[in-house]
Amino acid sequence: MIIKTNSKETEQKFIENLKNLFESPEQLLPECMDSCFMCPIKSYAKKIDKMKSSGDYSKYSNSADQFLSAVSESYKILDNEKAPVFGMIKTNYGSVNYCKRGKTDEMILSGVQNYDNETYKMLAFTNVVKSKKLKIYSSKNYFKATCKENIDINFVKDLLNEENITYKYEGNVITLGSAGNSILIEFYGITVKVMEDLNENIIYIMLRHMMFPDMPFNLSTDFMEFIPDNKSILNDYIIRKTSSRNIIARIKKDKINYAIKNGYYIINSVNYSIDDFLEELHFDNILRPFLKEKLAGTGFVLDSPGQRKVLEYLFPKYKNEIIKLMYNLDDAEIKSLKGNPLEVIENARVLVNKNSMKAKIMEPWSENSKYLIELLTFHLNSGRDEAINFGRKSMKNDIQKSIYYAYLQVENHSDNWLFNENQIKLGALLVPYIDKMLKTGDINKELENLRGIIQ
């Protein structure tokens, strides 16, 4: 307890407030919601009514019942209307000032004397809650007591309104927040769903309005529900007043680590068998038996379907085996492939297509015909844009510039400022041939027709 001296103004205000209490001492008591046998609240109501009727509040000064003792000891302060010194104690609800009298429990005494504070007045029933298993709850519009395993849902709504917390109430569930995963809080017939975007500790907020004999909260999350929640993390939501956002983030991390350690195959929080996992990622059928063997016992957690994370895990050790299975390239060819795993696979595909295309196209008879064939190969393997980039960077003489001009005309892409009159004139002659090559696919026939034009 901390001792502090009161000013005359504070002392006078305290005395006046105490007088107001004993004009209507029944305001100390919460409304009892039940008809329980030997209800302590109803018993207190009868005794307070007798004290009020007789005007004698000293009867319980030395009572073993700490609530009644606190009432009598607080009344004694009015004998001389003096309270020059206050004590201050720390409680779960904050630091509370009170005037010490007798040997009454400080917590209970502070609750009686702060009867007009919606939170602190619950302290008057600390012992009753502990010994009688009574539950007390208080908000701006509620001061209730119950000995049963239930709480009025309207009370919870009232305290949320008082705390300026927006909520939705649908299907007997109070939902706080609107996005992300959630913590489900169940207690005494009440269900509160706290979404990830609400950066609050709603249990701590509710406990400022409640006094329970125990911690009745049952907590669970909806993230990867097939993996058990780590109870020690959830307990921090109750014990350490950690925010819901922090708790959900820790639960996610814990479950992801658990899934990886225990060989789960998860995409967007859905648990798959290894076969379904590989199918969902659209791995080539020829590759799946190999991947299944190498991934056995190795867990993966992916936010969305994508091969990259799996390949990044396998490539340091199995890159060549994977590329050989998919494209039958040799080690030297694989070594030439650059980039991340997905880029390497794409470059391997392009290389295979390029080699396949080259095998179908006749051998060039000159450097200029080689330029044309490579330009066509780029177009067929990688598309128009890649071919344009290659053609522009690789042309070395007037004939190659004419070939490039003709290709651009066929593709309706104009860069005429690159070419002189003679290059354009020759290019115009080549347009029909290149157009037929790309439209009919009969490249070799048109190449033969160009032998006399392209030297």
Foldseek 3Di string as FASTA:
>chain_A
DDKDFDDPVVLLVLLVLLVVCLVPVLLLAFAEPDDDPPDVRVVVVVVSVVCSVVVPLQPCCPPPLLLSVLSNQSVVCNVVSDQRMWDWDQDLLGIFTAGDGDDHDPQLNRLSSVSVDQQSVCSVCQVVCQPVQKKFFGDPPHTYIYNDLADDPVSVVRLCVVVVFDWDADPQEIEGDDDAKWKWKDGSSHIYTYHLVFFFLVLSSRVSGMDGNDDRIDIDIPQLVVDGFDVVLVVCSVPVRGTRNVSVVVRVVVVQVVQQQAAFEEELSDTDDLVVSCVQLVDDPLCSVVLCVVCVRGGDYHPHRHCQVSCQVVCVPCVVVRLCSVQVDDPVVLVPQDDGSVSSNLVSQLVSQLVVLVVVADDDPDPLSVLLSVLVSCCVRPNDVSSLVSLVVPDDDLQSLLSSCLSCVLVVHDPPVVHDPVSVVLSVVCNVLVNCCVPVVPNRVSSVVCPVPTD
